[in-house]
Amino acid sequence: MEIFHEHSWDLTIAEAKVVQEKLKNKVILEDQLPTINYVAGVDVSYDKQKGITQAAIAVLNFPQLELQTHALARCKTAFPYVPGYLSFREIPAILEALNAVTIQPDLILCDGQGTAHPRRLGIACHLGVLINKPTIGVAKSWLTGDYEQVPLTQGSWQPLTSEGETIGAVLRTRTGIKPVFVSPGHQISLPTAIRYTLACTSKYRLPETTRWADKLAALQ
């Protein structure tokens, strides 16, 4: 896996913020997608006692959403848990998993934020810029921004805004079920990110990519 904007991972919080401010200018919010034959989900779990991070990547065919291959990677947890800096804690293990997977995905859905982030560089943006691939952030919970009530029907959404800027969408993936927070990561627009999130979601609230990655990342 080629890294296009490599940087150190041994950073203080202040240094990590500088990296975010630099990399956010590399984020592309226009569609630059290839033909999407494979989609992937990435997720991470932690063994706090041993100080280990385990990352999983699950690659599914598209649009069938059948698991084709997966990879796991474990490494030492080197960055503390600090809201807004999740990518520095998780991406090193994710990169190792991406290096190990036998089918490279055309689009990656991350279990976290994209542009819906205080500095507009959530984990989906950070990962996408580093590996130069289209990514989407599909988060289970709110991090930042304001939004109106989302209608209860599947596919309904409301803009997520901050200081007059639309930074994502609050999307109802299943009728009557709690919405998710979708935002572009890299090389994708918000409307397209919403469309692919819905296309990757079948019977449940979360995309199948995320559900598979979550299962695989769980430490045994």
N, C-alpha and C. Protein backbone atom coordinates (compact mmCIF):
# COMPACT_ATOMS: atom_id res chain seq x y z
N MET A 1 0.85 -1.19 0.00
CA MET A 1 0.00 0.00 0.00
C MET A 1 0.88 1.24 0.00
N GLU A 2 0.80 2.02 -1.05
CA GLU A 2 1.61 3.24 -1.14
C GLU A 2 1.02 4.33 -0.26
N ILE A 3 1.90 5.03 0.45
CA ILE A 3 1.49 6.15 1.29
C ILE A 3 1.91 7.43 0.58
N PHE A 4 0.95 8.33 0.37
CA PHE A 4 1.19 9.53 -0.43
C PHE A 4 1.58 10.74 0.40
N HIS A 5 1.22 10.75 1.67
CA HIS A 5 1.54 11.90 2.53
C HIS A 5 1.99 11.37 3.89
N GLU A 6 3.11 10.70 3.89
CA GLU A 6 3.58 10.03 5.10
C GLU A 6 4.01 11.05 6.16
N HIS A 7 3.74 10.70 7.42
CA HIS A 7 4.18 11.54 8.55
C HIS A 7 4.45 10.64 9.74
N SER A 8 5.09 11.18 10.74
CA SER A 8 5.37 10.42 11.95
C SER A 8 4.08 10.15 12.72
N TRP A 9 4.06 9.01 13.41
CA TRP A 9 2.92 8.70 14.29
C TRP A 9 3.28 8.92 15.76
N ASP A 10 4.54 9.19 16.03
CA ASP A 10 5.00 9.45 17.39
C ASP A 10 4.90 10.94 17.64
N LEU A 11 3.68 11.38 17.98
CA LEU A 11 3.38 12.80 18.05
C LEU A 11 2.73 13.20 19.36
N THR A 12 2.91 14.44 19.75
CA THR A 12 2.12 15.02 20.82
C THR A 12 0.78 15.46 20.24
N ILE A 13 -0.15 15.82 21.11
CA ILE A 13 -1.45 16.32 20.63
C ILE A 13 -1.25 17.58 19.79
N ALA A 14 -0.38 18.47 20.24
CA ALA A 14 -0.14 19.71 19.50
C ALA A 14 0.44 19.40 18.11
N GLU A 15 1.34 18.44 18.03
CA GLU A 15 1.93 18.07 16.74
C GLU A 15 0.89 17.41 15.85
N ALA A 16 0.01 16.58 16.45
CA ALA A 16 -1.04 15.93 15.67
C ALA A 16 -2.00 16.97 15.08
N LYS A 17 -2.28 18.01 15.84
CA LYS A 17 -3.16 19.07 15.34
C LYS A 17 -2.53 19.75 14.12
N VAL A 18 -1.23 19.97 14.15
CA VAL A 18 -0.54 20.57 13.01
C VAL A 18 -0.67 19.68 11.78
N VAL A 19 -0.53 18.37 11.97
CA VAL A 19 -0.69 17.42 10.86
C VAL A 19 -2.10 17.52 10.29
N GLN A 20 -3.10 17.58 11.16
CA GLN A 20 -4.48 17.71 10.69
C GLN A 20 -4.69 18.98 9.88
N GLU A 21 -4.18 20.07 10.37
CA GLU A 21 -4.35 21.35 9.67
C GLU A 21 -3.67 21.31 8.29
N LYS A 22 -2.56 20.59 8.19
CA LYS A 22 -1.85 20.49 6.92
C LYS A 22 -2.59 19.57 5.95
N LEU A 23 -3.02 18.38 6.45
CA LEU A 23 -3.62 17.39 5.57
C LEU A 23 -5.04 17.76 5.13
N LYS A 24 -5.74 18.57 5.91
CA LYS A 24 -7.11 18.91 5.51
C LYS A 24 -7.13 19.65 4.18
N ASN A 25 -6.03 20.31 3.83
CA ASN A 25 -5.94 21.01 2.55
C ASN A 25 -5.74 20.05 1.38
N LYS A 26 -5.47 18.78 1.68
CA LYS A 26 -5.30 17.77 0.63
C LYS A 26 -6.60 17.03 0.33
N VAL A 27 -7.62 17.22 1.17
CA VAL A 27 -8.88 16.49 1.02
C VAL A 27 -9.60 16.96 -0.25
N ILE A 28 -10.06 16.00 -1.04
CA ILE A 28 -10.81 16.29 -2.27
C ILE A 28 -12.27 15.92 -2.02
N LEU A 29 -13.17 16.89 -2.19
CA LEU A 29 -14.59 16.67 -1.94
C LEU A 29 -15.39 16.64 -3.24
N GLU A 30 -14.75 16.19 -4.28
CA GLU A 30 -15.40 15.96 -5.56
C GLU A 30 -15.26 14.49 -5.92
N ASP A 31 -16.20 13.97 -6.70
CA ASP A 31 -16.18 12.56 -7.05
C ASP A 31 -15.01 12.25 -7.98
N GLN A 32 -14.14 11.39 -7.50
CA GLN A 32 -13.03 10.86 -8.31
C GLN A 32 -12.99 9.35 -8.14
N LEU A 33 -14.16 8.72 -8.24
CA LEU A 33 -14.26 7.29 -7.99
C LEU A 33 -14.01 6.49 -9.26
N PRO A 34 -13.34 5.36 -9.12
CA PRO A 34 -13.26 4.42 -10.23
C PRO A 34 -14.57 3.64 -10.30
N THR A 35 -14.67 2.68 -11.20
CA THR A 35 -15.80 1.75 -11.16
C THR A 35 -15.74 0.99 -9.84
N ILE A 36 -16.84 0.97 -9.11
CA ILE A 36 -16.84 0.35 -7.77
C ILE A 36 -17.23 -1.11 -7.88
N ASN A 37 -16.23 -1.97 -7.82
CA ASN A 37 -16.45 -3.42 -7.80
C ASN A 37 -16.31 -4.01 -6.41
N TYR A 38 -15.50 -3.35 -5.57
CA TYR A 38 -15.27 -3.83 -4.21
C TYR A 38 -15.34 -2.66 -3.23
N VAL A 39 -16.09 -2.87 -2.17
CA VAL A 39 -16.16 -1.89 -1.08
C VAL A 39 -15.60 -2.54 0.18
N ALA A 40 -15.11 -1.73 1.07
CA ALA A 40 -14.50 -2.28 2.29
C ALA A 40 -14.94 -1.51 3.51
N GLY A 41 -14.94 -2.19 4.61
CA GLY A 41 -15.13 -1.56 5.91
C GLY A 41 -13.88 -1.76 6.74
N VAL A 42 -13.55 -0.78 7.55
CA VAL A 42 -12.43 -0.91 8.48
C VAL A 42 -12.93 -0.60 9.89
N ASP A 43 -12.43 -1.35 10.85
CA ASP A 43 -12.80 -1.12 12.24
C ASP A 43 -11.65 -1.56 13.12
N VAL A 44 -11.67 -1.08 14.35
CA VAL A 44 -10.56 -1.31 15.27
C VAL A 44 -11.09 -1.67 16.65
N SER A 45 -10.39 -2.58 17.33
CA SER A 45 -10.70 -2.88 18.73
C SER A 45 -9.40 -2.81 19.53
N TYR A 46 -9.54 -2.79 20.85
CA TYR A 46 -8.38 -2.59 21.72
C TYR A 46 -8.32 -3.63 22.82
N ASP A 47 -7.11 -4.08 23.10
CA ASP A 47 -6.83 -4.86 24.30
C ASP A 47 -6.11 -3.90 25.24
N LYS A 48 -6.87 -3.30 26.15
CA LYS A 48 -6.31 -2.25 27.00
C LYS A 48 -5.26 -2.80 27.97
N GLN A 49 -5.44 -4.03 28.43
CA GLN A 49 -4.48 -4.60 29.38
C GLN A 49 -3.12 -4.82 28.73
N LYS A 50 -3.13 -5.26 27.48
CA LYS A 50 -1.88 -5.53 26.77
C LYS A 50 -1.41 -4.35 25.94
N GLY A 51 -2.25 -3.31 25.82
CA GLY A 51 -1.87 -2.14 25.04
C GLY A 51 -1.79 -2.43 23.55
N ILE A 52 -2.73 -3.25 23.05
CA ILE A 52 -2.72 -3.69 21.67
C ILE A 52 -3.94 -3.14 20.92
N THR A 53 -3.70 -2.67 19.69
CA THR A 53 -4.76 -2.27 18.78
C THR A 53 -4.90 -3.34 17.70
N GLN A 54 -6.12 -3.80 17.46
CA GLN A 54 -6.36 -4.75 16.38
C GLN A 54 -7.28 -4.13 15.35
N ALA A 55 -6.83 -4.09 14.11
CA ALA A 55 -7.62 -3.53 13.01
C ALA A 55 -8.06 -4.64 12.08
N ALA A 56 -9.25 -4.48 11.52
CA ALA A 56 -9.78 -5.42 10.54
C ALA A 56 -10.23 -4.67 9.31
N ILE A 57 -10.01 -5.26 8.15
CA ILE A 57 -10.58 -4.77 6.91
C ILE A 57 -11.37 -5.91 6.30
N ALA A 58 -12.60 -5.62 5.94
CA ALA A 58 -13.49 -6.58 5.30
C ALA A 58 -13.79 -6.07 3.90
N VAL A 59 -13.51 -6.86 2.89
CA VAL A 59 -13.73 -6.46 1.49
C VAL A 59 -14.92 -7.24 0.95
N LEU A 60 -15.93 -6.50 0.47
CA LEU A 60 -17.16 -7.08 -0.07
C LEU A 60 -17.27 -6.73 -1.55
N ASN A 61 -17.89 -7.63 -2.32
CA ASN A 61 -18.17 -7.25 -3.70
C ASN A 61 -19.35 -6.28 -3.72
N PHE A 62 -19.45 -5.52 -4.80
CA PHE A 62 -20.50 -4.51 -4.91
C PHE A 62 -21.14 -4.61 -6.29
N PRO A 63 -22.46 -4.64 -6.32
CA PRO A 63 -23.42 -4.31 -5.25
C PRO A 63 -23.91 -5.49 -4.43
N GLN A 64 -23.38 -6.69 -4.63
CA GLN A 64 -23.92 -7.87 -3.96
C GLN A 64 -23.70 -7.85 -2.45
N LEU A 65 -22.61 -7.21 -2.00
CA LEU A 65 -22.27 -7.08 -0.58
C LEU A 65 -22.00 -8.43 0.07
N GLU A 66 -21.25 -9.27 -0.66
CA GLU A 66 -20.83 -10.57 -0.12
C GLU A 66 -19.36 -10.46 0.27
N LEU A 67 -19.01 -11.00 1.43
CA LEU A 67 -17.63 -10.94 1.90
C LEU A 67 -16.73 -11.73 0.95
N GLN A 68 -15.68 -11.08 0.47
CA GLN A 68 -14.74 -11.71 -0.45
C GLN A 68 -13.43 -12.09 0.22
N THR A 69 -12.94 -11.20 1.06
CA THR A 69 -11.71 -11.46 1.78
C THR A 69 -11.61 -10.50 2.96
N HIS A 70 -10.68 -10.79 3.84
CA HIS A 70 -10.47 -9.89 4.98
C HIS A 70 -9.03 -10.04 5.47
N ALA A 71 -8.61 -9.10 6.29
CA ALA A 71 -7.28 -9.16 6.90
C ALA A 71 -7.33 -8.51 8.27
N LEU A 72 -6.48 -8.99 9.15
CA LEU A 72 -6.35 -8.44 10.50
C LEU A 72 -4.91 -7.99 10.71
N ALA A 73 -4.74 -7.00 11.56
CA ALA A 73 -3.39 -6.55 11.93
C ALA A 73 -3.42 -6.10 13.39
N ARG A 74 -2.36 -6.41 14.10
CA ARG A 74 -2.23 -6.02 15.50
C ARG A 74 -0.95 -5.23 15.68
N CYS A 75 -1.04 -4.16 16.46
CA CYS A 75 0.16 -3.40 16.77
C CYS A 75 -0.01 -2.73 18.13
N LYS A 76 1.08 -2.22 18.64
CA LYS A 76 1.05 -1.55 19.93
C LYS A 76 0.23 -0.27 19.83
N THR A 77 -0.63 -0.04 20.83
CA THR A 77 -1.40 1.20 20.89
C THR A 77 -0.47 2.32 21.34
N ALA A 78 -0.19 3.26 20.44
CA ALA A 78 0.85 4.25 20.71
C ALA A 78 0.32 5.66 20.94
N PHE A 79 -1.00 5.87 20.75
CA PHE A 79 -1.54 7.21 20.88
C PHE A 79 -2.72 7.15 21.85
N PRO A 80 -2.84 8.12 22.75
CA PRO A 80 -3.92 8.08 23.74
C PRO A 80 -5.29 8.32 23.12
N TYR A 81 -6.34 7.97 23.86
CA TYR A 81 -7.70 8.28 23.40
C TYR A 81 -7.97 9.76 23.67
N VAL A 82 -8.09 10.52 22.60
CA VAL A 82 -8.41 11.95 22.69
C VAL A 82 -9.46 12.24 21.62
N PRO A 83 -10.66 12.71 22.01
CA PRO A 83 -11.68 13.03 21.01
C PRO A 83 -11.13 13.98 19.95
N GLY A 84 -11.42 13.66 18.68
CA GLY A 84 -10.95 14.48 17.58
C GLY A 84 -9.61 14.04 17.01
N TYR A 85 -8.97 13.06 17.66
CA TYR A 85 -7.67 12.57 17.21
C TYR A 85 -7.66 11.05 17.06
N LEU A 86 -8.82 10.49 16.79
CA LEU A 86 -8.97 9.04 16.68
C LEU A 86 -8.06 8.45 15.61
N SER A 87 -7.87 9.16 14.52
CA SER A 87 -7.10 8.60 13.41
C SER A 87 -5.66 8.27 13.82
N PHE A 88 -5.07 9.06 14.69
CA PHE A 88 -3.69 8.81 15.10
C PHE A 88 -3.58 7.55 15.96
N ARG A 89 -4.66 7.16 16.56
CA ARG A 89 -4.70 5.96 17.39
C ARG A 89 -4.97 4.70 16.55
N GLU A 90 -5.74 4.86 15.48
CA GLU A 90 -6.23 3.69 14.74
C GLU A 90 -5.56 3.44 13.40
N ILE A 91 -5.17 4.49 12.68
CA ILE A 91 -4.70 4.30 11.31
C ILE A 91 -3.44 3.44 11.19
N PRO A 92 -2.46 3.50 12.11
CA PRO A 92 -1.30 2.62 11.93
C PRO A 92 -1.68 1.15 11.79
N ALA A 93 -2.61 0.66 12.60
CA ALA A 93 -3.04 -0.73 12.48
C ALA A 93 -3.86 -0.95 11.21
N ILE A 94 -4.68 0.03 10.85
CA ILE A 94 -5.48 -0.08 9.62
C ILE A 94 -4.58 -0.19 8.40
N LEU A 95 -3.51 0.58 8.35
CA LEU A 95 -2.59 0.51 7.22
C LEU A 95 -1.96 -0.87 7.10
N GLU A 96 -1.63 -1.48 8.24
CA GLU A 96 -1.06 -2.83 8.21
C GLU A 96 -2.09 -3.83 7.67
N ALA A 97 -3.34 -3.68 8.07
CA ALA A 97 -4.38 -4.57 7.57
C ALA A 97 -4.59 -4.38 6.07
N LEU A 98 -4.56 -3.14 5.60
CA LEU A 98 -4.70 -2.87 4.17
C LEU A 98 -3.55 -3.47 3.38
N ASN A 99 -2.36 -3.47 3.95
CA ASN A 99 -1.22 -4.08 3.29
C ASN A 99 -1.37 -5.58 3.16
N ALA A 100 -2.13 -6.18 4.08
CA ALA A 100 -2.25 -7.64 4.11
C ALA A 100 -3.41 -8.19 3.29
N VAL A 101 -4.37 -7.35 2.94
CA VAL A 101 -5.57 -7.85 2.27
C VAL A 101 -5.24 -8.20 0.81
N THR A 102 -5.87 -9.25 0.30
CA THR A 102 -5.54 -9.76 -1.04
C THR A 102 -6.31 -9.07 -2.16
N ILE A 103 -7.40 -8.39 -1.85
CA ILE A 103 -8.16 -7.61 -2.84
C ILE A 103 -8.21 -6.17 -2.34
N GLN A 104 -7.69 -5.26 -3.12
CA GLN A 104 -7.74 -3.86 -2.73
C GLN A 104 -9.10 -3.27 -3.09
N PRO A 105 -9.78 -2.63 -2.14
CA PRO A 105 -11.10 -2.07 -2.41
C PRO A 105 -11.05 -0.80 -3.25
N ASP A 106 -12.16 -0.52 -3.92
CA ASP A 106 -12.29 0.72 -4.69
C ASP A 106 -12.82 1.87 -3.85
N LEU A 107 -13.49 1.53 -2.74
CA LEU A 107 -14.10 2.52 -1.85
C LEU A 107 -14.09 1.96 -0.45
N ILE A 108 -13.69 2.78 0.52
CA ILE A 108 -13.61 2.34 1.91
C ILE A 108 -14.57 3.15 2.76
N LEU A 109 -15.40 2.45 3.55
CA LEU A 109 -16.29 3.09 4.51
C LEU A 109 -15.68 2.92 5.89
N CYS A 110 -15.39 4.03 6.54
CA CYS A 110 -14.76 4.02 7.85
C CYS A 110 -15.79 4.15 8.96
N ASP A 111 -15.56 3.47 10.06
CA ASP A 111 -16.41 3.57 11.24
C ASP A 111 -15.96 4.80 12.03
N GLY A 112 -16.33 5.97 11.54
CA GLY A 112 -15.91 7.22 12.16
C GLY A 112 -16.26 8.39 11.25
N GLN A 113 -15.72 9.54 11.57
CA GLN A 113 -16.08 10.76 10.85
C GLN A 113 -15.16 10.99 9.64
N GLY A 114 -15.69 11.75 8.68
CA GLY A 114 -14.89 12.29 7.59
C GLY A 114 -14.70 13.77 7.82
N THR A 115 -15.41 14.59 7.03
CA THR A 115 -15.31 16.04 7.21
C THR A 115 -16.13 16.54 8.40
N ALA A 116 -16.98 15.71 8.97
CA ALA A 116 -17.76 16.10 10.15
C ALA A 116 -16.87 16.03 11.40
N HIS A 117 -15.93 16.93 11.44
CA HIS A 117 -14.84 16.90 12.42
C HIS A 117 -14.45 18.35 12.72
N PRO A 118 -14.04 18.66 13.93
CA PRO A 118 -13.72 20.05 14.26
C PRO A 118 -12.70 20.69 13.34
N ARG A 119 -11.76 19.91 12.84
CA ARG A 119 -10.75 20.45 11.92
C ARG A 119 -10.91 19.86 10.52
N ARG A 120 -12.07 19.28 10.25
CA ARG A 120 -12.43 18.74 8.93
C ARG A 120 -11.48 17.64 8.47
N LEU A 121 -10.92 16.90 9.44
CA LEU A 121 -10.04 15.79 9.07
C LEU A 121 -10.27 14.63 10.03
N GLY A 122 -11.47 14.04 9.92
CA GLY A 122 -11.74 12.82 10.66
C GLY A 122 -10.96 11.65 10.07
N ILE A 123 -11.15 10.48 10.65
CA ILE A 123 -10.37 9.31 10.25
C ILE A 123 -10.55 8.96 8.78
N ALA A 124 -11.76 9.15 8.23
CA ALA A 124 -11.97 8.82 6.82
C ALA A 124 -11.18 9.75 5.90
N CYS A 125 -11.15 11.04 6.23
CA CYS A 125 -10.34 11.99 5.45
C CYS A 125 -8.85 11.66 5.57
N HIS A 126 -8.42 11.45 6.79
CA HIS A 126 -7.00 11.19 7.06
C HIS A 126 -6.53 9.96 6.29
N LEU A 127 -7.28 8.86 6.42
CA LEU A 127 -6.92 7.63 5.73
C LEU A 127 -6.95 7.81 4.22
N GLY A 128 -8.01 8.43 3.70
CA GLY A 128 -8.14 8.61 2.27
C GLY A 128 -7.00 9.41 1.67
N VAL A 129 -6.60 10.49 2.34
CA VAL A 129 -5.49 11.32 1.84
C VAL A 129 -4.19 10.52 1.88
N LEU A 130 -3.96 9.76 2.93
CA LEU A 130 -2.71 9.01 3.04
C LEU A 130 -2.56 7.97 1.94
N ILE A 131 -3.66 7.28 1.61
CA ILE A 131 -3.56 6.17 0.64
C ILE A 131 -4.11 6.54 -0.73
N ASN A 132 -4.60 7.78 -0.88
CA ASN A 132 -5.10 8.29 -2.16
C ASN A 132 -6.24 7.42 -2.69
N LYS A 133 -7.21 7.12 -1.84
CA LYS A 133 -8.37 6.32 -2.23
C LYS A 133 -9.65 7.00 -1.77
N PRO A 134 -10.77 6.75 -2.46
CA PRO A 134 -12.05 7.28 -2.01
C PRO A 134 -12.48 6.66 -0.68
N THR A 135 -12.92 7.49 0.23
CA THR A 135 -13.35 7.03 1.55
C THR A 135 -14.59 7.80 1.99
N ILE A 136 -15.35 7.16 2.87
CA ILE A 136 -16.55 7.78 3.46
C ILE A 136 -16.49 7.55 4.97
N GLY A 137 -16.88 8.55 5.73
CA GLY A 137 -17.04 8.38 7.17
C GLY A 137 -18.50 8.09 7.48
N VAL A 138 -18.74 6.97 8.15
CA VAL A 138 -20.09 6.61 8.59
C VAL A 138 -20.00 6.35 10.10
N ALA A 139 -20.36 7.37 10.87
CA ALA A 139 -20.20 7.31 12.32
C ALA A 139 -21.52 6.97 13.00
N LYS A 140 -21.42 6.25 14.09
CA LYS A 140 -22.61 5.86 14.85
C LYS A 140 -23.11 6.99 15.74
N SER A 141 -22.21 7.94 16.05
CA SER A 141 -22.59 9.00 16.99
C SER A 141 -22.10 10.36 16.52
N TRP A 142 -22.69 11.39 17.07
CA TRP A 142 -22.40 12.79 16.73
C TRP A 142 -21.06 13.22 17.32
N LEU A 143 -20.31 14.00 16.56
CA LEU A 143 -19.09 14.61 17.08
C LEU A 143 -19.19 16.12 17.10
N THR A 144 -19.67 16.71 16.00
CA THR A 144 -19.76 18.16 15.91
C THR A 144 -20.80 18.55 14.87
N GLY A 145 -21.28 19.79 14.93
CA GLY A 145 -22.23 20.28 13.95
C GLY A 145 -23.66 20.33 14.47
N ASP A 146 -24.52 20.99 13.70
CA ASP A 146 -25.93 21.15 14.05
C ASP A 146 -26.80 20.55 12.95
N TYR A 147 -27.98 20.07 13.35
CA TYR A 147 -28.89 19.49 12.35
C TYR A 147 -30.32 19.51 12.87
N GLU A 148 -31.24 19.44 11.93
CA GLU A 148 -32.66 19.40 12.25
C GLU A 148 -33.12 17.94 12.39
N GLN A 149 -34.30 17.77 12.93
CA GLN A 149 -34.89 16.44 13.07
C GLN A 149 -34.97 15.74 11.72
N VAL A 150 -34.54 14.48 11.68
CA VAL A 150 -34.56 13.71 10.44
C VAL A 150 -35.88 12.95 10.34
N PRO A 151 -36.59 13.04 9.22
CA PRO A 151 -37.81 12.24 9.05
C PRO A 151 -37.54 10.76 9.30
N LEU A 152 -38.58 10.03 9.69
CA LEU A 152 -38.41 8.65 10.13
C LEU A 152 -38.22 7.65 8.98
N THR A 153 -38.47 8.05 7.75
CA THR A 153 -38.43 7.10 6.65
C THR A 153 -37.00 6.84 6.17
N GLN A 154 -36.75 5.60 5.75
CA GLN A 154 -35.45 5.20 5.23
C GLN A 154 -35.02 6.10 4.06
N GLY A 155 -33.77 6.53 4.09
CA GLY A 155 -33.24 7.39 3.03
C GLY A 155 -33.37 8.87 3.31
N SER A 156 -34.14 9.24 4.34
CA SER A 156 -34.28 10.66 4.71
C SER A 156 -32.99 11.15 5.36
N TRP A 157 -32.68 12.41 5.14
CA TRP A 157 -31.49 12.96 5.78
C TRP A 157 -31.61 14.47 5.95
N GLN A 158 -30.80 14.98 6.84
CA GLN A 158 -30.70 16.42 7.08
C GLN A 158 -29.23 16.83 7.03
N PRO A 159 -28.96 18.03 6.52
CA PRO A 159 -27.56 18.50 6.50
C PRO A 159 -27.02 18.65 7.92
N LEU A 160 -25.78 18.31 8.08
CA LEU A 160 -25.03 18.56 9.31
C LEU A 160 -24.16 19.78 9.02
N THR A 161 -24.36 20.86 9.76
CA THR A 161 -23.70 22.12 9.43
C THR A 161 -22.88 22.65 10.61
N SER A 162 -21.90 23.46 10.26
CA SER A 162 -21.07 24.13 11.26
C SER A 162 -20.64 25.48 10.71
N GLU A 163 -21.03 26.53 11.38
CA GLU A 163 -20.69 27.90 10.99
C GLU A 163 -21.05 28.16 9.52
N GLY A 164 -22.23 27.69 9.12
CA GLY A 164 -22.73 27.94 7.78
C GLY A 164 -22.22 26.98 6.72
N GLU A 165 -21.37 26.05 7.10
CA GLU A 165 -20.79 25.09 6.15
C GLU A 165 -21.44 23.72 6.36
N THR A 166 -21.81 23.06 5.27
CA THR A 166 -22.33 21.70 5.36
C THR A 166 -21.15 20.75 5.45
N ILE A 167 -21.06 20.03 6.55
CA ILE A 167 -19.91 19.16 6.79
C ILE A 167 -20.28 17.68 6.74
N GLY A 168 -21.56 17.38 6.55
CA GLY A 168 -21.99 15.99 6.49
C GLY A 168 -23.49 15.91 6.43
N ALA A 169 -24.01 14.72 6.72
CA ALA A 169 -25.45 14.48 6.71
C ALA A 169 -25.81 13.53 7.83
N VAL A 170 -26.99 13.75 8.38
CA VAL A 170 -27.55 12.82 9.37
C VAL A 170 -28.57 11.98 8.59
N LEU A 171 -28.27 10.71 8.42
CA LEU A 171 -28.96 9.85 7.46
C LEU A 171 -29.72 8.73 8.15
N ARG A 172 -30.97 8.57 7.77
CA ARG A 172 -31.80 7.48 8.29
C ARG A 172 -31.64 6.28 7.33
N THR A 173 -30.89 5.29 7.75
CA THR A 173 -30.65 4.13 6.89
C THR A 173 -31.75 3.08 6.98
N ARG A 174 -32.52 3.12 8.07
CA ARG A 174 -33.65 2.21 8.24
C ARG A 174 -34.81 2.99 8.83
N THR A 175 -36.01 2.73 8.35
CA THR A 175 -37.19 3.46 8.82
C THR A 175 -37.37 3.26 10.33
N GLY A 176 -37.50 4.39 11.03
CA GLY A 176 -37.76 4.35 12.46
C GLY A 176 -36.56 4.00 13.32
N ILE A 177 -35.39 3.84 12.71
CA ILE A 177 -34.18 3.48 13.45
C ILE A 177 -33.27 4.71 13.56
N LYS A 178 -32.53 4.77 14.65
CA LYS A 178 -31.61 5.88 14.90
C LYS A 178 -30.71 6.14 13.69
N PRO A 179 -30.53 7.40 13.29
CA PRO A 179 -29.73 7.70 12.09
C PRO A 179 -28.23 7.53 12.33
N VAL A 180 -27.48 7.59 11.24
CA VAL A 180 -26.02 7.60 11.30
C VAL A 180 -25.52 8.94 10.77
N PHE A 181 -24.24 9.22 11.00
CA PHE A 181 -23.64 10.49 10.62
C PHE A 181 -22.65 10.23 9.48
N VAL A 182 -23.03 10.67 8.29
CA VAL A 182 -22.25 10.41 7.08
C VAL A 182 -21.52 11.67 6.65
N SER A 183 -20.26 11.53 6.30
CA SER A 183 -19.53 12.67 5.74
C SER A 183 -18.47 12.18 4.77
N PRO A 184 -18.16 12.99 3.76
CA PRO A 184 -17.12 12.60 2.82
C PRO A 184 -15.78 12.42 3.52
N GLY A 185 -15.02 11.46 3.01
CA GLY A 185 -13.66 11.30 3.47
C GLY A 185 -12.70 11.93 2.48
N HIS A 186 -12.61 11.32 1.31
CA HIS A 186 -11.68 11.81 0.28
C HIS A 186 -12.17 11.35 -1.08
N GLN A 187 -12.01 12.20 -2.07
CA GLN A 187 -12.34 11.90 -3.47
C GLN A 187 -13.81 11.52 -3.67
N ILE A 188 -14.69 12.13 -2.88
CA ILE A 188 -16.12 11.84 -2.99
C ILE A 188 -16.91 13.04 -2.48
N SER A 189 -18.06 13.27 -3.08
CA SER A 189 -18.94 14.36 -2.65
C SER A 189 -19.93 13.83 -1.61
N LEU A 190 -20.58 14.75 -0.93
CA LEU A 190 -21.56 14.34 0.08
C LEU A 190 -22.73 13.57 -0.55
N PRO A 191 -23.35 14.04 -1.64
CA PRO A 191 -24.46 13.26 -2.22
C PRO A 191 -24.05 11.84 -2.60
N THR A 192 -22.85 11.69 -3.14
CA THR A 192 -22.39 10.36 -3.53
C THR A 192 -22.08 9.51 -2.29
N ALA A 193 -21.55 10.13 -1.25
CA ALA A 193 -21.29 9.41 0.00
C ALA A 193 -22.59 8.88 0.60
N ILE A 194 -23.65 9.69 0.55
CA ILE A 194 -24.95 9.25 1.04
C ILE A 194 -25.46 8.08 0.20
N ARG A 195 -25.31 8.20 -1.11
CA ARG A 195 -25.82 7.16 -2.01
C ARG A 195 -25.11 5.82 -1.77
N TYR A 196 -23.81 5.85 -1.62
CA TYR A 196 -23.08 4.60 -1.41
C TYR A 196 -23.31 4.04 0.00
N THR A 197 -23.51 4.91 0.97
CA THR A 197 -23.83 4.41 2.31
C THR A 197 -25.15 3.65 2.28
N LEU A 198 -26.15 4.20 1.62
CA LEU A 198 -27.43 3.50 1.50
C LEU A 198 -27.29 2.22 0.69
N ALA A 199 -26.49 2.26 -0.37
CA ALA A 199 -26.32 1.08 -1.21
C ALA A 199 -25.59 -0.05 -0.48
N CYS A 200 -24.81 0.30 0.53
CA CYS A 200 -24.08 -0.71 1.31
C CYS A 200 -24.83 -1.15 2.56
N THR A 201 -26.03 -0.62 2.75
CA THR A 201 -26.84 -0.95 3.91
C THR A 201 -28.01 -1.82 3.48
N SER A 202 -28.18 -2.97 4.15
CA SER A 202 -29.27 -3.87 3.76
C SER A 202 -30.34 -3.93 4.83
N LYS A 203 -30.23 -4.87 5.75
CA LYS A 203 -31.31 -5.07 6.73
C LYS A 203 -31.09 -4.32 8.04
N TYR A 204 -29.94 -3.75 8.23
CA TYR A 204 -29.59 -3.19 9.53
C TYR A 204 -29.25 -1.70 9.43
N ARG A 205 -29.03 -1.09 10.58
CA ARG A 205 -28.73 0.34 10.63
C ARG A 205 -27.39 0.66 9.98
N LEU A 206 -26.40 -0.17 10.21
CA LEU A 206 -25.05 0.10 9.73
C LEU A 206 -24.78 -0.58 8.40
N PRO A 207 -23.90 0.00 7.58
CA PRO A 207 -23.54 -0.66 6.33
C PRO A 207 -22.97 -2.05 6.58
N GLU A 208 -23.14 -2.94 5.61
CA GLU A 208 -22.61 -4.30 5.74
C GLU A 208 -21.09 -4.28 5.87
N THR A 209 -20.45 -3.31 5.25
CA THR A 209 -19.00 -3.18 5.37
C THR A 209 -18.59 -2.98 6.84
N THR A 210 -19.29 -2.09 7.52
CA THR A 210 -19.00 -1.83 8.93
C THR A 210 -19.34 -3.03 9.80
N ARG A 211 -20.46 -3.67 9.52
CA ARG A 211 -20.87 -4.83 10.33
C ARG A 211 -19.84 -5.95 10.23
N TRP A 212 -19.35 -6.23 9.03
CA TRP A 212 -18.33 -7.27 8.87
C TRP A 212 -17.03 -6.89 9.56
N ALA A 213 -16.58 -5.65 9.36
CA ALA A 213 -15.32 -5.21 9.97
C ALA A 213 -15.41 -5.25 11.49
N ASP A 214 -16.56 -4.86 12.03
CA ASP A 214 -16.75 -4.87 13.48
C ASP A 214 -16.64 -6.30 14.03
N LYS A 215 -17.28 -7.25 13.36
CA LYS A 215 -17.20 -8.65 13.79
C LYS A 215 -15.75 -9.15 13.76
N LEU A 216 -15.07 -8.84 12.68
CA LEU A 216 -13.71 -9.36 12.50
C LEU A 216 -12.71 -8.70 13.44
N ALA A 217 -12.95 -7.43 13.78
CA ALA A 217 -11.99 -6.71 14.62
C ALA A 217 -12.09 -7.10 16.09
N ALA A 218 -13.20 -7.70 16.49
CA ALA A 218 -13.41 -8.03 17.90
C ALA A 218 -12.31 -8.95 18.41
N LEU A 219 -11.68 -8.54 19.48
CA LEU A 219 -10.62 -9.34 20.07
C LEU A 219 -11.21 -10.57 20.77
N GLN A 220 -10.64 -11.73 20.50
CA GLN A 220 -11.10 -12.98 21.12
C GLN A 220 -10.35 -13.25 22.41
